[in-house]
N, C-alpha and C. Protein backbone atom coordinates (compact mmCIF):
# COMPACT_ATOMS: atom_id res chain seq x y z
N UNK A 1 45.06 7.68 -17.40
CA UNK A 1 44.92 6.58 -16.83
C UNK A 1 43.85 7.31 -15.57
N UNK A 2 44.53 8.75 -15.23
CA UNK A 2 44.16 8.63 -14.72
C UNK A 2 42.27 9.70 -14.62
N UNK A 3 41.57 10.02 -15.58
CA UNK A 3 40.43 10.31 -16.10
C UNK A 3 40.03 9.33 -15.83
N UNK A 4 39.76 8.96 -16.71
CA UNK A 4 39.44 7.10 -16.51
C UNK A 4 38.35 6.69 -15.06
N UNK A 5 38.97 7.08 -14.48
CA UNK A 5 38.91 7.17 -12.32
C UNK A 5 38.04 8.18 -12.16
N UNK A 6 38.00 8.64 -12.90
CA UNK A 6 37.73 10.42 -11.63
C UNK A 6 35.82 9.59 -11.78
N UNK A 7 35.56 9.37 -13.06
CA UNK A 7 34.19 9.51 -13.19
C UNK A 7 33.26 7.49 -12.04
N UNK A 8 34.03 6.33 -12.62
CA UNK A 8 33.52 5.72 -11.41
C UNK A 8 33.68 6.62 -10.20
N UNK A 9 34.63 6.91 -9.38
CA UNK A 9 34.78 7.47 -8.31
C UNK A 9 33.68 8.87 -7.83
N UNK A 10 34.05 9.49 -8.89
CA UNK A 10 32.41 10.46 -8.43
C UNK A 10 31.34 9.35 -8.56
N UNK A 11 30.47 8.76 -9.00
CA UNK A 11 29.32 7.54 -9.28
C UNK A 11 29.22 6.88 -8.37
N UNK A 12 30.90 6.88 -7.61
CA UNK A 12 30.19 5.87 -6.04
C UNK A 12 30.05 6.79 -4.75
N UNK A 13 30.60 7.56 -5.00
CA UNK A 13 30.65 8.84 -4.17
C UNK A 13 28.98 9.12 -4.04
N UNK A 14 28.32 8.99 -5.16
CA UNK A 14 27.63 9.91 -5.03
C UNK A 14 26.45 8.75 -4.75
N UNK A 15 26.17 7.85 -5.22
CA UNK A 15 25.72 6.76 -4.46
C UNK A 15 25.59 6.89 -3.04
N UNK A 16 26.55 6.57 -1.91
CA UNK A 16 27.00 7.13 -1.41
C UNK A 16 26.37 8.05 -0.42
N UNK A 17 26.82 8.84 -0.80
CA UNK A 17 25.26 10.33 -0.11
C UNK A 17 23.58 9.68 -0.14
N UNK A 18 23.56 9.55 -1.76
CA UNK A 18 21.98 9.40 -1.59
C UNK A 18 21.42 8.02 -1.04
N UNK A 19 22.66 7.15 0.11
CA UNK A 19 21.43 6.46 0.33
C UNK A 19 21.94 6.49 1.67
N UNK A 20 22.36 7.82 2.08
CA UNK A 20 22.59 8.60 3.33
C UNK A 20 21.10 9.39 3.58
N UNK A 21 20.39 9.55 2.46
CA UNK A 21 19.18 10.50 2.37
C UNK A 21 17.87 10.00 3.14
N UNK A 22 17.24 10.71 4.03
CA UNK A 22 16.01 9.80 4.66
C UNK A 22 14.57 11.18 3.87
N UNK A 23 13.93 10.48 4.15
CA UNK A 23 11.97 10.64 3.62
C UNK A 23 11.89 11.57 5.12
N UNK A 24 11.52 12.48 4.67
CA UNK A 24 10.85 13.56 5.47
C UNK A 24 9.28 13.16 5.95
N UNK A 25 9.44 12.84 8.00
CA UNK A 25 8.13 12.33 7.95
C UNK A 25 6.24 12.91 7.34
N UNK A 26 6.78 14.21 6.85
CA UNK A 26 5.25 15.26 6.23
C UNK A 26 4.91 14.29 5.07
N UNK A 27 6.19 13.72 3.81
CA UNK A 27 6.33 12.22 2.71
C UNK A 27 4.63 11.80 3.08
N UNK A 28 5.43 10.88 4.28
CA UNK A 28 4.43 9.20 4.80
C UNK A 28 3.84 10.30 6.25
N UNK A 29 2.71 10.83 5.46
CA UNK A 29 1.66 10.90 6.46
C UNK A 29 0.93 10.24 5.52
N UNK A 30 -0.20 9.29 6.41
CA UNK A 30 -1.33 9.10 5.65
C UNK A 30 -2.54 9.42 6.29
N UNK A 31 -3.46 9.07 5.45
CA UNK A 31 -4.76 10.17 4.85
C UNK A 31 -5.84 8.68 5.61
N UNK A 32 -6.07 10.19 6.61
CA UNK A 32 -7.83 10.03 8.10
C UNK A 32 -8.44 9.09 7.65
N UNK A 33 -9.13 10.62 6.85
CA UNK A 33 -11.17 10.50 6.92
C UNK A 33 -10.97 9.20 5.43
N UNK A 34 -9.82 8.81 4.75
CA UNK A 34 -10.46 7.95 3.39
C UNK A 34 -11.39 6.60 4.04
N UNK A 35 -12.31 6.10 3.69
CA UNK A 35 -12.31 4.97 4.15
C UNK A 35 -12.63 4.11 2.57
N UNK A 36 -13.37 5.16 2.13
CA UNK A 36 -12.63 3.88 0.59
C UNK A 36 -13.49 5.33 -0.49
N UNK A 37 -12.59 5.46 -1.79
CA UNK A 37 -12.98 6.25 -2.57
C UNK A 37 -13.36 5.80 -3.61
N UNK A 38 -13.35 5.91 -5.29
CA UNK A 38 -13.68 5.80 -6.43
C UNK A 38 -12.93 6.32 -7.27
N UNK A 39 -12.41 6.76 -7.85
CA UNK A 39 -11.86 7.32 -9.18
C UNK A 39 -11.82 6.42 -10.27
N UNK A 40 -12.71 7.26 -11.42
CA UNK A 40 -12.32 6.40 -12.79
C UNK A 40 -11.44 7.67 -13.81
N UNK A 41 -10.29 6.77 -14.38
CA UNK A 41 -9.96 7.03 -15.23
C UNK A 41 -9.76 5.88 -15.89
N UNK A 42 -10.87 6.31 -16.82
CA UNK A 42 -11.50 6.08 -18.41
C UNK A 42 -12.28 4.43 -18.44
N UNK A 43 -10.66 3.63 -19.03
CA UNK A 43 -11.22 1.69 -19.11
C UNK A 43 -11.38 1.29 -17.67
N UNK A 44 -10.28 2.07 -16.70
CA UNK A 44 -9.99 1.92 -15.40
C UNK A 44 -10.97 1.78 -14.49
N UNK A 45 -11.27 1.93 -13.78
CA UNK A 45 -11.68 2.81 -11.62
C UNK A 45 -10.79 2.23 -10.85
N UNK A 46 -10.55 2.75 -10.41
CA UNK A 46 -9.84 2.20 -8.69
C UNK A 46 -10.25 2.99 -7.66
N UNK A 47 -10.00 2.38 -6.61
CA UNK A 47 -10.98 2.31 -5.51
C UNK A 47 -9.34 2.19 -4.04
N UNK A 48 -9.02 2.39 -3.00
CA UNK A 48 -8.62 2.67 -1.57
C UNK A 48 -9.85 2.53 -0.71
N UNK A 49 -8.69 1.54 0.08
CA UNK A 49 -10.50 0.44 0.80
C UNK A 49 -8.73 1.14 2.04
N UNK A 50 -10.25 2.13 3.15
CA UNK A 50 -8.54 1.80 4.83
C UNK A 50 -8.94 0.76 5.35
N UNK A 51 -8.78 -0.68 6.06
CA UNK A 51 -8.96 -0.72 6.63
C UNK A 51 -7.90 -1.45 7.70
N UNK A 52 -8.80 -1.93 9.07
CA UNK A 52 -7.27 -2.28 10.17
C UNK A 52 -7.29 -3.78 9.95
N UNK A 53 -6.06 -4.05 9.58
CA UNK A 53 -5.69 -5.61 9.87
C UNK A 53 -4.97 -6.17 10.81
N UNK A 54 -5.06 -7.08 10.85
CA UNK A 54 -4.08 -7.50 12.03
C UNK A 54 -3.62 -8.60 11.73
N UNK A 55 -2.35 -9.31 12.58
CA UNK A 55 -2.45 -11.08 12.39
C UNK A 55 -3.67 -11.73 13.00
N UNK A 56 -4.09 -12.92 12.99
CA UNK A 56 -3.84 -13.78 14.06
C UNK A 56 -3.51 -15.07 14.96
N UNK A 57 -3.09 -14.30 15.90
CA UNK A 57 -2.43 -15.55 16.31
C UNK A 57 -2.14 -16.66 16.56
N UNK A 58 -4.21 -17.42 16.66
CA UNK A 58 -4.05 -18.76 16.69
C UNK A 58 -3.65 -19.06 15.14
N UNK A 59 -4.15 -18.87 13.90
CA UNK A 59 -4.47 -19.86 13.21
C UNK A 59 -2.64 -18.67 11.75
N UNK A 60 -2.81 -17.31 12.55
CA UNK A 60 -0.99 -17.08 11.37
C UNK A 60 -1.70 -16.23 9.98
N UNK A 61 -3.26 -15.85 10.48
CA UNK A 61 -4.05 -15.43 8.93
C UNK A 61 -3.65 -14.14 9.72
N UNK A 62 -3.90 -13.01 8.34
CA UNK A 62 -4.20 -11.73 8.53
C UNK A 62 -5.62 -11.76 8.42
N UNK A 63 -6.14 -11.61 9.02
CA UNK A 63 -7.93 -10.70 9.30
C UNK A 63 -7.94 -8.74 9.74
N UNK A 64 -9.12 -9.38 8.10
CA UNK A 64 -9.01 -7.47 8.91
C UNK A 64 -10.86 -7.40 9.29
N UNK A 65 -11.00 -5.56 9.58
CA UNK A 65 -12.21 -4.95 10.23
C UNK A 65 -13.40 -5.17 8.69
N UNK A 66 -15.03 -5.76 8.75
CA UNK A 66 -15.55 -5.60 7.59
C UNK A 66 -16.54 -4.32 8.11
N UNK A 67 -16.12 -3.40 8.11
CA UNK A 67 -17.17 -2.16 8.39
C UNK A 67 -18.04 -2.59 8.03
N UNK A 68 -18.94 -3.13 7.57
CA UNK A 68 -20.45 -3.52 7.42
C UNK A 68 -20.51 -4.29 8.43
N UNK A 69 -20.17 -5.43 9.00
CA UNK A 69 -21.05 -5.89 9.99
C UNK A 69 -19.81 -6.09 11.22
N UNK A 70 -19.23 -4.96 11.02
CA UNK A 70 -17.64 -4.41 12.33
C UNK A 70 -17.14 -5.53 12.98
N UNK A 71 -17.85 -6.58 12.44
CA UNK A 71 -16.29 -8.19 12.57
C UNK A 71 -15.11 -8.59 11.45
N UNK A 72 -14.33 -8.96 12.90
CA UNK A 72 -13.19 -9.17 11.97
C UNK A 72 -13.31 -10.36 10.47
N UNK A 73 -12.38 -10.78 10.24
CA UNK A 73 -12.82 -11.32 8.39
C UNK A 73 -11.43 -12.35 7.85
N UNK A 74 -11.31 -13.28 7.84
CA UNK A 74 -9.75 -13.36 6.88
C UNK A 74 -9.55 -12.63 5.08
N UNK A 75 -8.30 -11.87 5.81
CA UNK A 75 -7.88 -11.33 4.39
C UNK A 75 -8.83 -12.28 3.24
N UNK A 76 -8.48 -13.16 2.91
CA UNK A 76 -9.59 -14.10 1.70
C UNK A 76 -10.96 -13.82 1.50
N UNK A 77 -11.85 -13.59 2.95
CA UNK A 77 -13.46 -13.53 2.67
C UNK A 77 -13.89 -12.53 2.52
N UNK A 78 -12.25 -11.64 3.30
CA UNK A 78 -12.46 -9.45 3.13
C UNK A 78 -12.44 -9.15 1.79
N UNK A 79 -11.39 -9.78 1.45
CA UNK A 79 -10.92 -9.54 -1.22
C UNK A 79 -12.50 -10.42 -1.77
N UNK A 80 -12.76 -11.60 -0.73
CA UNK A 80 -13.88 -11.82 -1.87
C UNK A 80 -14.77 -10.80 -2.68
N UNK A 81 -15.39 -10.33 -0.91
CA UNK A 81 -16.95 -9.66 -1.25
C UNK A 81 -16.64 -7.93 -2.35
N UNK A 82 -15.64 -7.73 -2.51
CA UNK A 82 -14.51 -7.25 -3.48
C UNK A 82 -14.95 -7.78 -4.32
N UNK A 83 -14.11 -8.66 -4.25
CA UNK A 83 -14.31 -9.30 -5.67
C UNK A 83 -15.04 -10.19 -6.53
N UNK A 84 -15.94 -10.00 -5.75
CA UNK A 84 -17.62 -10.80 -6.98
C UNK A 84 -18.25 -9.39 -7.80
N UNK A 85 -18.19 -8.16 -6.49
CA UNK A 85 -18.22 -6.81 -7.35
C UNK A 85 -17.53 -6.48 -8.73
N UNK A 86 -16.82 -7.35 -8.87
CA UNK A 86 -15.17 -7.18 -10.27
C UNK A 86 -14.30 -6.60 -9.53
N UNK A 87 -14.39 -6.52 -8.33
CA UNK A 87 -12.12 -5.67 -7.79
C UNK A 87 -11.49 -6.18 -7.06
N UNK A 88 -10.67 -5.85 -8.72
CA UNK A 88 -9.41 -6.60 -7.76
C UNK A 88 -7.94 -6.09 -7.13
N UNK A 89 -7.66 -6.59 -6.58
CA UNK A 89 -6.20 -5.97 -5.44
C UNK A 89 -4.99 -6.10 -5.72
N UNK A 90 -4.60 -4.24 -6.75
CA UNK A 90 -3.67 -4.38 -6.62
C UNK A 90 -2.29 -4.47 -6.02
N UNK A 91 -2.78 -3.22 -5.59
CA UNK A 91 -1.89 -3.13 -4.01
C UNK A 91 -2.52 -3.45 -2.88
N UNK A 92 -1.10 -4.06 -2.08
CA UNK A 92 -1.78 -2.96 -0.35
C UNK A 92 -0.39 -2.22 0.18
N UNK A 93 -0.89 -0.87 1.53
CA UNK A 93 -0.01 -0.59 1.83
C UNK A 93 0.02 -0.62 2.91
N UNK A 94 1.13 -0.20 4.07
CA UNK A 94 0.90 -0.48 5.34
C UNK A 94 0.84 0.98 5.60
N UNK A 95 -0.14 1.08 6.96
CA UNK A 95 -0.03 2.56 7.17
C UNK A 95 0.23 2.63 8.57
N UNK A 96 -0.63 3.41 9.14
CA UNK A 96 -0.39 3.51 10.94
C UNK A 96 -0.90 2.54 11.66
N UNK A 97 -0.12 2.01 12.68
CA UNK A 97 -1.02 1.61 13.55
C UNK A 97 -1.23 0.21 11.92
N UNK A 98 -2.97 -0.65 12.97
CA UNK A 98 -2.61 -1.25 12.23
C UNK A 98 -3.48 -0.98 11.06
N UNK A 99 -3.13 -0.31 10.10
CA UNK A 99 -4.48 0.70 8.85
C UNK A 99 -3.04 0.13 8.39
N UNK A 100 -3.86 -0.65 6.88
CA UNK A 100 -3.50 -0.76 6.12
C UNK A 100 -4.25 -0.32 4.94
N UNK A 101 -3.87 -0.12 3.66
CA UNK A 101 -5.15 0.83 2.62
C UNK A 101 -4.89 0.20 1.62
N UNK A 102 -6.09 -0.90 0.71
CA UNK A 102 -5.87 -1.76 -0.35
C UNK A 102 -6.92 -0.81 -1.52
N UNK A 103 -5.98 -0.98 -2.56
CA UNK A 103 -6.57 -0.12 -3.52
C UNK A 103 -6.57 -1.21 -4.46
N UNK A 104 -7.48 -0.57 -5.00
CA UNK A 104 -8.25 -2.45 -6.19
C UNK A 104 -8.66 -1.40 -7.41
N UNK A 105 -8.26 -2.21 -8.59
CA UNK A 105 -9.16 -1.87 -9.61
C UNK A 105 -10.09 -2.50 -10.39
N UNK A 106 -10.91 -2.30 -11.28
CA UNK A 106 -11.71 -2.11 -12.03
C UNK A 106 -12.14 -1.89 -13.73
N UNK A 107 -12.22 -2.77 -14.12
CA UNK A 107 -12.81 -2.28 -15.77
C UNK A 107 -13.86 -1.54 -15.80
N UNK A 108 -14.19 -0.99 -16.18
CA UNK A 108 -15.62 0.11 -16.36
C UNK A 108 -17.34 -0.57 -16.47
């Protein structure tokens, strides 16, 4: 009976130890110079867009800097401009400060 209790006890202790682990700061480093990068993976093409985004206090909407005209746009308008070229948002990663990395894909 005692042998059957050892495995669950070891599993619980292992999970507690793993829960206390911290991620190294170097792993979380953000790319600095990337604005847009397109990678071709055969059927899909991927692009990452780095932008400065903030929450508008008046409307509570997320607004992002449009590098093309150096003006802030609501996130819907910002993404619509890429959507018109066939890009689809697949991931949104919060970066340093107000930096946001948007990962997009489209078919070739």
